[in-house]
């Protein structure tokens, strides 16, 4: 199970819980929680999609006689002069 799917399932469970809370105890607090969870679920379903399959795409340009370093993670550059 991917992290994205786990977050969607947790969001749906929280939304169901907040809707039950809203039905049993009407008020502004469960209404705000329900609206927030609906917005976050919509965001997770539609905006969270990756166009590149989840891969990191890195591009780099450098000028003449320049030294360029590119790394996806931590990098340690020692002065070799």
C-alpha atoms as a PDB file:
ATOM      1  CA  UNK A   1       0.000   0.000   0.000  1.00  0.00           C
ATOM      2  CA  UNK A   2       1.414   3.351  -0.974  1.00  0.00           C
ATOM      3  CA  UNK A   3       1.552   6.342   1.312  1.00  0.00           C
ATOM      4  CA  UNK A   4      -0.907   8.245  -0.883  1.00  0.00           C
ATOM      5  CA  UNK A   5      -3.497   5.469  -0.641  1.00  0.00           C
ATOM      6  CA  UNK A   6      -3.043   5.195   3.122  1.00  0.00           C
ATOM      7  CA  UNK A   7      -3.602   8.946   3.507  1.00  0.00           C
ATOM      8  CA  UNK A   8      -6.747   8.798   1.388  1.00  0.00           C
ATOM      9  CA  UNK A   9      -8.126   5.927   3.483  1.00  0.00           C
ATOM     10  CA  UNK A  10      -7.351   7.801   6.721  1.00  0.00           C
ATOM     11  CA  UNK A  11      -8.983  10.928   5.316  1.00  0.00           C
ATOM     12  CA  UNK A  12     -12.154   9.001   4.417  1.00  0.00           C
ATOM     13  CA  UNK A  13     -12.257   7.423   7.883  1.00  0.00           C
ATOM     14  CA  UNK A  14     -11.847  10.830   9.508  1.00  0.00           C
ATOM     15  CA  UNK A  15     -14.541  12.279   7.259  1.00  0.00           C
ATOM     16  CA  UNK A  16     -16.985   9.530   8.224  1.00  0.00           C
ATOM     17  CA  UNK A  17     -16.185  10.118  11.885  1.00  0.00           C
ATOM     18  CA  UNK A  18     -16.703  13.860  11.575  1.00  0.00           C
ATOM     19  CA  UNK A  19     -20.020  13.359   9.748  1.00  0.00           C
ATOM     20  CA  UNK A  20     -21.220  11.059  12.543  1.00  0.00           C
ATOM     21  CA  UNK A  21     -20.064  13.685  15.040  1.00  0.00           C
ATOM     22  CA  UNK A  22     -21.987  16.343  13.087  1.00  0.00           C
ATOM     23  CA  UNK A  23     -25.172  14.236  13.105  1.00  0.00           C
ATOM     24  CA  UNK A  24     -25.006  13.436  16.817  1.00  0.00           C
ATOM     25  CA  UNK A  25     -23.846  16.854  18.026  1.00  0.00           C
ATOM     26  CA  UNK A  26     -24.664  19.630  15.532  1.00  0.00           C
ATOM     27  CA  UNK A  27     -22.392  22.606  15.938  1.00  0.00           C
ATOM     28  CA  UNK A  28     -19.750  24.657  14.252  1.00  0.00           C
ATOM     29  CA  UNK A  29     -16.772  22.478  15.293  1.00  0.00           C
ATOM     30  CA  UNK A  30     -17.833  19.252  13.540  1.00  0.00           C
ATOM     31  CA  UNK A  31     -18.971  21.329  10.546  1.00  0.00           C
ATOM     32  CA  UNK A  32     -15.541  22.963  10.193  1.00  0.00           C
ATOM     33  CA  UNK A  33     -13.791  19.590  10.545  1.00  0.00           C
ATOM     34  CA  UNK A  34     -16.076  18.002   7.940  1.00  0.00           C
ATOM     35  CA  UNK A  35     -15.559  20.825   5.444  1.00  0.00           C
ATOM     36  CA  UNK A  36     -11.802  20.711   5.974  1.00  0.00           C
ATOM     37  CA  UNK A  37     -11.664  16.944   5.444  1.00  0.00           C
ATOM     38  CA  UNK A  38     -13.815  17.193   2.295  1.00  0.00           C
ATOM     39  CA  UNK A  39     -11.462  19.835   0.872  1.00  0.00           C
ATOM     40  CA  UNK A  40      -8.379  17.785   1.758  1.00  0.00           C
ATOM     41  CA  UNK A  41      -9.903  14.650   0.190  1.00  0.00           C
ATOM     42  CA  UNK A  42     -10.628  16.522  -3.040  1.00  0.00           C
ATOM     43  CA  UNK A  43      -7.084  17.866  -2.990  1.00  0.00           C
ATOM     44  CA  UNK A  44      -5.606  14.398  -2.437  1.00  0.00           C
ATOM     45  CA  UNK A  45      -7.668  12.834  -5.219  1.00  0.00           C
ATOM     46  CA  UNK A  46      -7.214  15.406  -7.950  1.00  0.00           C
ATOM     47  CA  UNK A  47      -4.247  17.652  -7.259  1.00  0.00           C
ATOM     48  CA  UNK A  48      -1.935  15.040  -5.727  1.00  0.00           C
ATOM     49  CA  UNK A  49      -1.499  13.101  -8.968  1.00  0.00           C
ATOM     50  CA  UNK A  50       2.032  12.978 -10.271  1.00  0.00           C
ATOM     51  CA  UNK A  51       2.596  13.607 -13.953  1.00  0.00           C
ATOM     52  CA  UNK A  52       6.002  11.939 -14.032  1.00  0.00           C
ATOM     53  CA  UNK A  53       5.163   8.712 -12.199  1.00  0.00           C
ATOM     54  CA  UNK A  54       6.614   9.877  -8.887  1.00  0.00           C
ATOM     55  CA  UNK A  55      10.147  10.151 -10.263  1.00  0.00           C
ATOM     56  CA  UNK A  56      12.292  13.159  -9.512  1.00  0.00           C
ATOM     57  CA  UNK A  57      13.246  15.109 -12.609  1.00  0.00           C
ATOM     58  CA  UNK A  58      16.315  17.264 -12.220  1.00  0.00           C
ATOM     59  CA  UNK A  59      17.656  19.740 -14.779  1.00  0.00           C
ATOM     60  CA  UNK A  60      20.756  21.832 -14.548  1.00  0.00           C
ATOM     61  CA  UNK A  61      22.551  24.456 -16.630  1.00  0.00           C
ATOM     62  CA  UNK A  62      25.942  25.977 -16.059  1.00  0.00           C
ATOM     63  CA  UNK A  63      27.991  28.704 -17.645  1.00  0.00           C
ATOM     64  CA  UNK A  64      31.415  28.467 -19.223  1.00  0.00           C
ATOM     65  CA  UNK A  65      34.189  27.141 -17.007  1.00  0.00           C
ATOM     66  CA  UNK A  66      31.811  26.474 -14.141  1.00  0.00           C
ATOM     67  CA  UNK A  67      31.586  23.481 -11.865  1.00  0.00           C
ATOM     68  CA  UNK A  68      28.074  22.196 -11.288  1.00  0.00           C
ATOM     69  CA  UNK A  69      26.977  19.736  -8.645  1.00  0.00           C
ATOM     70  CA  UNK A  70      23.569  18.076  -8.643  1.00  0.00           C
ATOM     71  CA  UNK A  71      22.223  15.648  -6.106  1.00  0.00           C
ATOM     72  CA  UNK A  72      18.874  14.235  -5.093  1.00  0.00           C
ATOM     73  CA  UNK A  73      19.990  13.926  -1.491  1.00  0.00           C
ATOM     74  CA  UNK A  74      22.783  15.165   0.746  1.00  0.00           C
ATOM     75  CA  UNK A  75      26.046  16.100  -0.935  1.00  0.00           C
ATOM     76  CA  UNK A  76      29.523  16.617   0.481  1.00  0.00           C
ATOM     77  CA  UNK A  77      31.967  18.578  -1.690  1.00  0.00           C
ATOM     78  CA  UNK A  78      35.568  18.768  -0.556  1.00  0.00           C
ATOM     79  CA  UNK A  79      37.868  21.500  -1.826  1.00  0.00           C
ATOM     80  CA  UNK A  80      40.460  19.677  -3.931  1.00  0.00           C
ATOM     81  CA  UNK A  81      42.728  22.658  -4.773  1.00  0.00           C
END
